[in-house]
């Protein structure tokens, strides 16, 4: 959905809409949509600045980074963005420090679909977890640990600490 900046009504524009994206457009490779992205957006223009304030909500399925099991990841995110004309990007160094995080529009247009997708991608955690206490999978047999004890004996030692361990033995 493309907004023509010059045709924005004086009192702004309200948009309530569902957006459908292919899962390949998400930064989280394992994520799949369980429902479309619902967006409630307010677009206002003040001189050359365009303010886009909104809320996005959806449900996704993502693989846990520890146990690799899929889990439901709800998204409910709010954002408040300010866009300036592309010509201002060349003057970005001259802008105040507080203006450095401004976005830019080109050809007097803003693609709300791209804005919603970018904001959705910013909601993903760096390490998605099905639960904070997820223990992951057994390093020996690959069984998901939350499904029960597999009985494998795991001896985890860090070779980098071997020198420290020998020093501690010598002091005892």
N, C-alpha and C. Protein backbone atom coordinates (compact mmCIF):
# COMPACT_ATOMS: atom_id res chain seq x y z
N UNK A 1 0.85 -1.17 0.00
CA UNK A 1 0.00 0.00 0.00
C UNK A 1 0.90 1.23 0.00
N UNK A 2 0.84 1.97 -1.08
CA UNK A 2 1.71 3.14 -1.25
C UNK A 2 0.93 4.41 -0.93
N UNK A 3 1.53 5.25 -0.11
CA UNK A 3 0.93 6.53 0.26
C UNK A 3 1.64 7.63 -0.51
N UNK A 4 0.88 8.45 -1.21
CA UNK A 4 1.42 9.62 -1.90
C UNK A 4 1.43 10.77 -0.88
N UNK A 5 2.60 11.23 -0.52
CA UNK A 5 2.77 12.24 0.51
C UNK A 5 2.00 13.52 0.16
N UNK A 6 1.99 13.90 -1.10
CA UNK A 6 1.32 15.13 -1.50
C UNK A 6 -0.20 15.03 -1.45
N UNK A 7 -0.75 13.81 -1.40
CA UNK A 7 -2.20 13.63 -1.39
C UNK A 7 -2.73 13.27 0.00
N UNK A 8 -1.88 13.35 1.01
CA UNK A 8 -2.34 13.06 2.37
C UNK A 8 -3.35 14.12 2.81
N UNK A 9 -4.48 13.71 3.38
CA UNK A 9 -5.44 14.70 3.89
C UNK A 9 -4.81 15.55 4.99
N UNK A 10 -5.33 16.76 5.15
CA UNK A 10 -4.77 17.69 6.14
C UNK A 10 -4.79 17.11 7.55
N UNK A 11 -5.88 16.42 7.91
CA UNK A 11 -5.96 15.84 9.25
C UNK A 11 -5.43 14.42 9.32
N UNK A 12 -4.71 13.98 8.32
CA UNK A 12 -4.05 12.68 8.35
C UNK A 12 -4.90 11.56 7.77
N UNK A 13 -4.36 10.37 7.87
CA UNK A 13 -4.99 9.20 7.29
C UNK A 13 -4.93 8.07 8.31
N UNK A 14 -6.05 7.39 8.52
CA UNK A 14 -6.12 6.24 9.40
C UNK A 14 -6.24 4.99 8.54
N UNK A 15 -5.42 3.99 8.81
CA UNK A 15 -5.44 2.75 8.03
C UNK A 15 -5.55 1.57 8.99
N UNK A 16 -6.57 0.75 8.81
CA UNK A 16 -6.74 -0.52 9.53
C UNK A 16 -6.77 -1.58 8.45
N UNK A 17 -5.78 -2.48 8.50
CA UNK A 17 -5.67 -3.41 7.39
C UNK A 17 -4.87 -4.64 7.78
N UNK A 18 -5.17 -5.76 7.12
CA UNK A 18 -4.37 -6.98 7.26
C UNK A 18 -3.38 -7.04 6.10
N UNK A 19 -2.15 -7.40 6.42
CA UNK A 19 -1.10 -7.57 5.41
C UNK A 19 -0.67 -9.03 5.40
N UNK A 20 -0.52 -9.57 4.22
CA UNK A 20 -0.01 -10.94 4.09
C UNK A 20 1.36 -10.88 3.43
N UNK A 21 2.31 -11.55 4.06
CA UNK A 21 3.69 -11.60 3.57
C UNK A 21 4.09 -13.05 3.41
N UNK A 22 4.92 -13.37 2.42
CA UNK A 22 5.48 -14.72 2.37
C UNK A 22 6.49 -14.87 3.52
N UNK A 23 6.56 -16.05 4.09
CA UNK A 23 7.48 -16.30 5.21
C UNK A 23 8.93 -16.03 4.83
N UNK A 24 9.25 -16.11 3.54
CA UNK A 24 10.63 -15.88 3.09
C UNK A 24 11.07 -14.43 3.31
N UNK A 25 10.13 -13.51 3.52
CA UNK A 25 10.49 -12.11 3.74
C UNK A 25 10.84 -11.82 5.20
N UNK A 26 10.74 -12.82 6.06
CA UNK A 26 11.05 -12.63 7.47
C UNK A 26 12.53 -12.89 7.72
N UNK A 27 13.11 -12.17 8.66
CA UNK A 27 14.53 -12.37 8.99
C UNK A 27 14.75 -13.67 9.75
N UNK A 28 13.74 -14.14 10.45
CA UNK A 28 13.84 -15.41 11.17
C UNK A 28 13.45 -16.52 10.20
N UNK A 29 14.45 -17.30 9.78
CA UNK A 29 14.24 -18.31 8.73
C UNK A 29 13.22 -19.37 9.09
N UNK A 30 13.10 -19.71 10.37
CA UNK A 30 12.19 -20.79 10.77
C UNK A 30 10.76 -20.30 10.98
N UNK A 31 10.53 -19.00 10.88
CA UNK A 31 9.21 -18.44 11.19
C UNK A 31 8.22 -18.66 10.05
N UNK A 32 6.99 -19.00 10.43
CA UNK A 32 5.89 -19.09 9.48
C UNK A 32 4.68 -18.39 10.11
N UNK A 33 3.85 -17.84 9.26
CA UNK A 33 2.68 -17.10 9.73
C UNK A 33 1.57 -18.06 10.13
N UNK A 34 0.94 -17.78 11.26
CA UNK A 34 -0.25 -18.49 11.68
C UNK A 34 -1.50 -17.67 11.35
N UNK A 35 -1.29 -16.38 11.13
CA UNK A 35 -2.37 -15.48 10.73
C UNK A 35 -1.74 -14.25 10.07
N UNK A 36 -2.52 -13.50 9.28
CA UNK A 36 -1.98 -12.28 8.65
C UNK A 36 -1.59 -11.25 9.70
N UNK A 37 -0.80 -10.28 9.30
CA UNK A 37 -0.38 -9.19 10.18
C UNK A 37 -1.46 -8.12 10.15
N UNK A 38 -2.03 -7.84 11.30
CA UNK A 38 -3.02 -6.76 11.37
C UNK A 38 -2.29 -5.48 11.77
N UNK A 39 -2.52 -4.42 11.01
CA UNK A 39 -1.87 -3.14 11.29
C UNK A 39 -2.92 -2.04 11.44
N UNK A 40 -2.75 -1.25 12.47
CA UNK A 40 -3.52 -0.03 12.67
C UNK A 40 -2.53 1.12 12.58
N UNK A 41 -2.65 1.95 11.55
CA UNK A 41 -1.67 2.99 11.28
C UNK A 41 -2.32 4.37 11.21
N UNK A 42 -1.59 5.36 11.67
CA UNK A 42 -1.98 6.75 11.52
C UNK A 42 -0.84 7.44 10.78
N UNK A 43 -1.17 8.09 9.67
CA UNK A 43 -0.16 8.78 8.86
C UNK A 43 -0.53 10.26 8.84
N UNK A 44 0.41 11.10 9.27
CA UNK A 44 0.19 12.55 9.29
C UNK A 44 1.38 13.26 8.65
N UNK A 45 1.08 14.38 8.02
CA UNK A 45 2.13 15.17 7.36
C UNK A 45 2.23 16.53 8.02
N UNK A 46 3.47 16.94 8.30
CA UNK A 46 3.72 18.28 8.82
C UNK A 46 4.88 18.84 8.02
N UNK A 47 4.61 19.77 7.15
CA UNK A 47 5.58 20.29 6.19
C UNK A 47 6.09 19.13 5.35
N UNK A 48 7.40 18.88 5.38
CA UNK A 48 7.95 17.76 4.62
C UNK A 48 8.07 16.48 5.44
N UNK A 49 7.84 16.58 6.74
CA UNK A 49 7.91 15.39 7.60
C UNK A 49 6.61 14.61 7.53
N UNK A 50 6.76 13.29 7.52
CA UNK A 50 5.59 12.41 7.56
C UNK A 50 5.74 11.53 8.79
N UNK A 51 4.73 11.54 9.65
CA UNK A 51 4.73 10.76 10.87
C UNK A 51 3.87 9.52 10.66
N UNK A 52 4.44 8.36 10.94
CA UNK A 52 3.69 7.11 10.85
C UNK A 52 3.73 6.47 12.24
N UNK A 53 2.55 6.40 12.82
CA UNK A 53 2.42 5.80 14.15
C UNK A 53 1.54 4.59 13.99
N UNK A 54 1.92 3.48 14.62
CA UNK A 54 1.11 2.30 14.41
C UNK A 54 1.30 1.19 15.41
N UNK A 55 0.49 0.19 15.18
CA UNK A 55 0.53 -1.03 15.99
C UNK A 55 0.35 -2.20 15.04
N UNK A 56 1.18 -3.23 15.21
CA UNK A 56 1.04 -4.44 14.42
C UNK A 56 0.83 -5.62 15.36
N UNK A 57 0.03 -6.57 14.90
CA UNK A 57 -0.23 -7.76 15.70
C UNK A 57 -0.39 -8.96 14.78
N UNK A 58 0.19 -10.08 15.19
CA UNK A 58 0.06 -11.34 14.45
C UNK A 58 0.51 -12.48 15.35
N UNK A 59 0.39 -13.69 14.83
CA UNK A 59 0.92 -14.87 15.52
C UNK A 59 1.79 -15.62 14.52
N UNK A 60 2.95 -16.02 14.98
CA UNK A 60 3.91 -16.75 14.15
C UNK A 60 4.28 -18.06 14.82
N UNK A 61 4.79 -18.99 14.04
CA UNK A 61 5.38 -20.21 14.57
C UNK A 61 6.88 -20.10 14.30
N UNK A 62 7.67 -20.30 15.37
CA UNK A 62 9.14 -20.19 15.27
C UNK A 62 9.76 -21.40 15.95
N UNK A 63 10.93 -21.82 15.47
CA UNK A 63 11.67 -22.91 16.11
C UNK A 63 12.49 -22.35 17.27
N UNK A 64 12.43 -23.03 18.39
CA UNK A 64 13.22 -22.65 19.57
C UNK A 64 14.70 -22.83 19.24
N UNK A 65 15.51 -21.88 19.65
CA UNK A 65 16.95 -21.96 19.34
C UNK A 65 17.68 -22.99 20.20
N UNK A 66 17.04 -23.51 21.25
CA UNK A 66 17.68 -24.53 22.09
C UNK A 66 17.21 -25.93 21.76
N UNK A 67 15.89 -26.14 21.67
CA UNK A 67 15.38 -27.50 21.47
C UNK A 67 14.87 -27.75 20.05
N UNK A 68 14.83 -26.70 19.24
CA UNK A 68 14.41 -26.77 17.84
C UNK A 68 12.93 -27.10 17.65
N UNK A 69 12.15 -27.14 18.72
CA UNK A 69 10.72 -27.40 18.63
C UNK A 69 10.00 -26.12 18.22
N UNK A 70 8.99 -26.22 17.36
CA UNK A 70 8.23 -25.02 17.01
C UNK A 70 7.36 -24.57 18.18
N UNK A 71 7.18 -23.26 18.31
CA UNK A 71 6.31 -22.70 19.34
C UNK A 71 5.65 -21.46 18.78
N UNK A 72 4.52 -21.10 19.39
CA UNK A 72 3.79 -19.91 18.93
C UNK A 72 4.43 -18.66 19.50
N UNK A 73 4.66 -17.69 18.61
CA UNK A 73 5.29 -16.42 18.97
C UNK A 73 4.30 -15.30 18.65
N UNK A 74 3.62 -14.75 19.67
CA UNK A 74 2.68 -13.66 19.41
C UNK A 74 3.43 -12.33 19.24
N UNK A 75 2.98 -11.52 18.33
CA UNK A 75 3.57 -10.20 18.10
C UNK A 75 2.50 -9.16 18.38
N UNK A 76 2.84 -8.19 19.21
CA UNK A 76 1.99 -7.04 19.47
C UNK A 76 2.96 -5.88 19.71
N UNK A 77 3.20 -5.11 18.66
CA UNK A 77 4.25 -4.10 18.72
C UNK A 77 3.72 -2.73 18.28
N UNK A 78 4.21 -1.71 18.95
CA UNK A 78 3.85 -0.33 18.60
C UNK A 78 5.11 0.38 18.10
N UNK A 79 4.90 1.34 17.21
CA UNK A 79 6.03 2.11 16.69
C UNK A 79 5.59 3.52 16.35
N UNK A 80 6.56 4.41 16.29
CA UNK A 80 6.33 5.82 15.99
C UNK A 80 7.52 6.26 15.14
N UNK A 81 7.28 6.51 13.86
CA UNK A 81 8.37 6.80 12.93
C UNK A 81 8.19 8.18 12.30
N UNK A 82 9.32 8.79 11.92
CA UNK A 82 9.29 10.07 11.22
C UNK A 82 10.09 9.90 9.93
N UNK A 83 9.46 10.27 8.82
CA UNK A 83 10.10 10.19 7.51
C UNK A 83 10.37 11.60 6.99
N UNK A 84 11.52 11.76 6.36
CA UNK A 84 11.90 13.00 5.70
C UNK A 84 12.11 12.71 4.21
N UNK A 85 12.06 13.74 3.35
CA UNK A 85 12.32 13.51 1.93
C UNK A 85 13.74 12.98 1.70
N UNK A 86 13.90 12.17 0.67
CA UNK A 86 15.19 11.56 0.32
C UNK A 86 16.30 12.61 0.21
N UNK A 87 15.96 13.79 -0.27
CA UNK A 87 16.97 14.85 -0.45
C UNK A 87 17.64 15.21 0.87
N UNK A 88 16.95 15.04 1.98
CA UNK A 88 17.50 15.36 3.29
C UNK A 88 18.56 14.36 3.72
N UNK A 89 18.59 13.19 3.10
CA UNK A 89 19.55 12.17 3.51
C UNK A 89 20.98 12.66 3.29
N UNK A 90 21.19 13.45 2.23
CA UNK A 90 22.53 14.00 1.97
C UNK A 90 22.94 14.98 3.06
N UNK A 91 21.96 15.57 3.70
CA UNK A 91 22.23 16.54 4.78
C UNK A 91 22.18 15.89 6.15
N UNK A 92 22.14 14.56 6.19
CA UNK A 92 21.95 13.84 7.45
C UNK A 92 23.00 14.21 8.50
N UNK A 93 24.24 14.45 8.05
CA UNK A 93 25.28 14.82 9.01
C UNK A 93 24.98 16.16 9.65
N UNK A 94 24.26 17.02 8.94
CA UNK A 94 23.96 18.35 9.47
C UNK A 94 22.74 18.34 10.39
N UNK A 95 21.99 17.24 10.39
CA UNK A 95 20.81 17.16 11.25
C UNK A 95 21.24 17.04 12.72
N UNK A 96 20.36 17.46 13.59
CA UNK A 96 20.64 17.32 15.02
C UNK A 96 20.83 15.85 15.37
N UNK A 97 21.51 15.59 16.47
CA UNK A 97 21.75 14.22 16.91
C UNK A 97 20.43 13.47 17.11
N UNK A 98 19.42 14.14 17.61
CA UNK A 98 18.12 13.53 17.82
C UNK A 98 17.41 13.16 16.52
N UNK A 99 17.83 13.76 15.42
CA UNK A 99 17.22 13.49 14.12
C UNK A 99 17.94 12.39 13.36
N UNK A 100 19.01 11.86 13.90
CA UNK A 100 19.83 10.90 13.18
C UNK A 100 19.11 9.59 12.88
N UNK A 101 18.08 9.27 13.65
CA UNK A 101 17.38 8.01 13.42
C UNK A 101 16.15 8.18 12.52
N UNK A 102 16.04 9.27 11.85
CA UNK A 102 14.92 9.52 10.94
C UNK A 102 15.05 8.64 9.70
N UNK A 103 13.91 8.33 9.13
CA UNK A 103 13.86 7.54 7.90
C UNK A 103 13.58 8.48 6.74
N UNK A 104 13.73 7.98 5.53
CA UNK A 104 13.57 8.84 4.36
C UNK A 104 12.63 8.21 3.35
N UNK A 105 11.83 9.05 2.70
CA UNK A 105 10.95 8.58 1.64
C UNK A 105 11.46 9.10 0.31
N UNK A 106 11.13 8.37 -0.75
CA UNK A 106 11.63 8.68 -2.09
C UNK A 106 10.44 8.94 -3.02
N UNK A 107 10.62 9.85 -3.93
CA UNK A 107 9.61 10.16 -4.95
C UNK A 107 8.28 10.54 -4.32
N UNK A 108 8.34 11.17 -3.13
CA UNK A 108 7.14 11.65 -2.44
C UNK A 108 6.15 10.53 -2.12
N UNK A 109 6.70 9.31 -1.89
CA UNK A 109 5.86 8.16 -1.59
C UNK A 109 6.44 7.36 -0.43
N UNK A 110 5.53 6.72 0.33
CA UNK A 110 5.93 5.82 1.41
C UNK A 110 5.14 4.53 1.23
N UNK A 111 5.87 3.42 1.21
CA UNK A 111 5.24 2.10 1.07
C UNK A 111 4.94 1.56 2.47
N UNK A 112 3.67 1.61 2.87
CA UNK A 112 3.30 1.15 4.20
C UNK A 112 3.53 -0.35 4.38
N UNK A 113 3.43 -1.09 3.30
CA UNK A 113 3.70 -2.54 3.36
C UNK A 113 5.13 -2.77 3.83
N UNK A 114 6.08 -2.02 3.29
CA UNK A 114 7.49 -2.14 3.69
C UNK A 114 7.70 -1.69 5.13
N UNK A 115 6.99 -0.65 5.54
CA UNK A 115 7.10 -0.17 6.93
C UNK A 115 6.63 -1.26 7.89
N UNK A 116 5.48 -1.88 7.59
CA UNK A 116 4.94 -2.93 8.45
C UNK A 116 5.88 -4.13 8.50
N UNK A 117 6.41 -4.54 7.34
CA UNK A 117 7.33 -5.68 7.30
C UNK A 117 8.60 -5.39 8.10
N UNK A 118 9.15 -4.20 7.96
CA UNK A 118 10.36 -3.84 8.71
C UNK A 118 10.09 -3.86 10.22
N UNK A 119 8.98 -3.31 10.64
CA UNK A 119 8.64 -3.29 12.06
C UNK A 119 8.40 -4.71 12.60
N UNK A 120 7.79 -5.56 11.77
CA UNK A 120 7.60 -6.96 12.16
C UNK A 120 8.95 -7.65 12.35
N UNK A 121 9.86 -7.45 11.41
CA UNK A 121 11.18 -8.08 11.50
C UNK A 121 11.97 -7.59 12.72
N UNK A 122 11.71 -6.38 13.17
CA UNK A 122 12.40 -5.86 14.34
C UNK A 122 11.90 -6.48 15.65
N UNK A 123 10.79 -7.19 15.61
CA UNK A 123 10.24 -7.79 16.83
C UNK A 123 10.89 -9.12 17.20
N UNK A 124 11.62 -9.73 16.27
CA UNK A 124 12.18 -11.06 16.54
C UNK A 124 13.33 -10.99 17.54
N UNK A 125 13.32 -11.88 18.52
CA UNK A 125 14.46 -11.94 19.45
C UNK A 125 15.67 -12.56 18.74
N UNK A 126 16.86 -12.27 19.23
CA UNK A 126 18.05 -12.84 18.59
C UNK A 126 18.12 -14.35 18.80
N UNK A 127 17.64 -14.83 19.92
CA UNK A 127 17.59 -16.27 20.21
C UNK A 127 16.17 -16.61 20.67
N UNK A 128 15.28 -17.00 19.75
CA UNK A 128 13.92 -17.34 20.17
C UNK A 128 13.90 -18.57 21.07
N UNK A 129 13.17 -18.47 22.18
CA UNK A 129 13.08 -19.59 23.12
C UNK A 129 11.61 -19.94 23.36
N UNK A 130 11.31 -21.24 23.36
CA UNK A 130 9.95 -21.69 23.66
C UNK A 130 9.61 -21.41 25.11
N UNK A 131 10.65 -21.41 25.97
CA UNK A 131 10.49 -21.12 27.39
C UNK A 131 11.87 -20.73 27.92
N UNK A 132 11.91 -19.78 28.84
CA UNK A 132 13.20 -19.34 29.40
C UNK A 132 13.97 -20.50 30.03
N UNK A 133 13.26 -21.49 30.55
CA UNK A 133 13.91 -22.60 31.23
C UNK A 133 14.18 -23.78 30.29
N UNK A 134 14.00 -23.60 28.99
CA UNK A 134 14.24 -24.68 28.04
C UNK A 134 15.68 -25.18 28.16
N UNK A 135 15.84 -26.49 28.33
CA UNK A 135 17.17 -27.08 28.48
C UNK A 135 17.76 -27.55 27.16
N UNK A 136 16.99 -27.42 26.08
CA UNK A 136 17.52 -27.79 24.77
C UNK A 136 17.42 -29.28 24.51
N UNK A 137 18.40 -29.79 23.76
CA UNK A 137 18.43 -31.21 23.40
C UNK A 137 19.67 -31.87 23.97
N UNK A 138 19.60 -33.17 24.16
CA UNK A 138 20.73 -33.93 24.67
C UNK A 138 21.84 -33.92 23.61
N UNK A 139 23.05 -33.62 24.03
CA UNK A 139 24.17 -33.57 23.11
C UNK A 139 24.57 -34.95 22.60
N UNK A 140 24.15 -36.02 23.30
CA UNK A 140 24.51 -37.38 22.91
C UNK A 140 23.47 -37.99 21.99
N UNK A 141 22.20 -38.02 22.42
CA UNK A 141 21.17 -38.72 21.64
C UNK A 141 20.24 -37.80 20.86
N UNK A 142 20.24 -36.49 21.17
CA UNK A 142 19.40 -35.54 20.46
C UNK A 142 17.97 -35.45 20.94
N UNK A 143 17.65 -36.11 22.05
CA UNK A 143 16.29 -36.07 22.58
C UNK A 143 16.03 -34.71 23.24
N UNK A 144 14.82 -34.21 23.10
CA UNK A 144 14.44 -32.94 23.73
C UNK A 144 14.35 -33.19 25.23
N UNK A 145 15.12 -32.43 26.00
CA UNK A 145 15.24 -32.68 27.44
C UNK A 145 13.95 -32.45 28.20
N UNK A 146 13.09 -31.56 27.75
CA UNK A 146 11.84 -31.32 28.49
C UNK A 146 10.88 -32.51 28.37
N UNK A 147 11.14 -33.41 27.40
CA UNK A 147 10.30 -34.60 27.23
C UNK A 147 10.67 -35.71 28.21
N UNK A 148 11.70 -35.49 29.00
CA UNK A 148 12.11 -36.47 30.00
C UNK A 148 13.59 -36.77 29.90
N UNK A 149 14.11 -37.37 30.96
CA UNK A 149 15.53 -37.71 31.03
C UNK A 149 15.83 -38.88 30.10
N UNK A 150 16.85 -38.73 29.28
CA UNK A 150 17.20 -39.79 28.34
C UNK A 150 18.21 -40.77 28.96
N UNK A 151 18.86 -40.39 30.04
CA UNK A 151 19.80 -41.27 30.71
C UNK A 151 21.22 -41.19 30.17
N UNK A 152 21.45 -40.37 29.20
CA UNK A 152 22.81 -40.24 28.64
C UNK A 152 23.71 -39.51 29.64
N UNK A 153 24.94 -40.00 29.74
CA UNK A 153 25.91 -39.35 30.60
C UNK A 153 26.67 -38.32 29.77
N UNK A 154 26.54 -37.08 30.16
CA UNK A 154 27.19 -35.99 29.43
C UNK A 154 28.25 -35.39 30.32
N UNK A 155 29.48 -35.42 29.85
CA UNK A 155 30.60 -34.83 30.58
C UNK A 155 31.07 -33.64 29.78
N UNK A 156 30.65 -32.49 30.22
CA UNK A 156 31.03 -31.27 29.51
C UNK A 156 32.21 -30.64 30.22
N UNK A 157 33.31 -30.58 29.53
CA UNK A 157 34.48 -29.89 30.07
C UNK A 157 34.97 -28.92 29.02
N UNK A 158 35.46 -27.82 29.49
CA UNK A 158 35.99 -26.79 28.61
C UNK A 158 37.51 -26.87 28.68
N UNK A 159 38.13 -27.25 27.58
CA UNK A 159 39.58 -27.41 27.52
C UNK A 159 40.34 -26.15 27.91
N UNK A 160 39.72 -25.00 27.72
CA UNK A 160 40.39 -23.74 28.06
C UNK A 160 40.55 -23.58 29.56
N UNK A 161 39.73 -24.31 30.33
CA UNK A 161 39.80 -24.19 31.78
C UNK A 161 40.71 -25.25 32.42
N UNK A 162 41.27 -26.14 31.62
CA UNK A 162 42.12 -27.21 32.15
C UNK A 162 43.31 -26.65 32.92
N UNK A 163 43.93 -25.60 32.43
CA UNK A 163 45.09 -25.01 33.10
C UNK A 163 44.67 -24.45 34.46
N UNK A 164 43.54 -23.77 34.51
CA UNK A 164 43.04 -23.22 35.76
C UNK A 164 42.72 -24.34 36.75
N UNK A 165 42.17 -25.44 36.25
CA UNK A 165 41.83 -26.57 37.11
C UNK A 165 43.10 -27.18 37.73
N UNK A 166 44.18 -27.28 36.93
CA UNK A 166 45.42 -27.86 37.45
C UNK A 166 46.05 -26.92 38.50
N UNK A 167 45.92 -25.63 38.31
CA UNK A 167 46.46 -24.66 39.30
C UNK A 167 45.69 -24.80 40.60
N UNK A 168 44.39 -24.94 40.53
CA UNK A 168 43.57 -25.08 41.73
C UNK A 168 43.89 -26.38 42.46
N UNK A 169 44.21 -27.46 41.73
CA UNK A 169 44.57 -28.73 42.36
C UNK A 169 45.88 -28.58 43.10
N UNK A 170 46.84 -27.87 42.51
CA UNK A 170 48.16 -27.68 43.12
C UNK A 170 48.08 -26.88 44.41
N UNK A 171 47.14 -25.97 44.51
CA UNK A 171 47.00 -25.14 45.71
C UNK A 171 46.32 -25.90 46.85
N UNK A 172 45.60 -26.98 46.55
CA UNK A 172 44.89 -27.69 47.61
C UNK A 172 45.77 -28.60 48.40
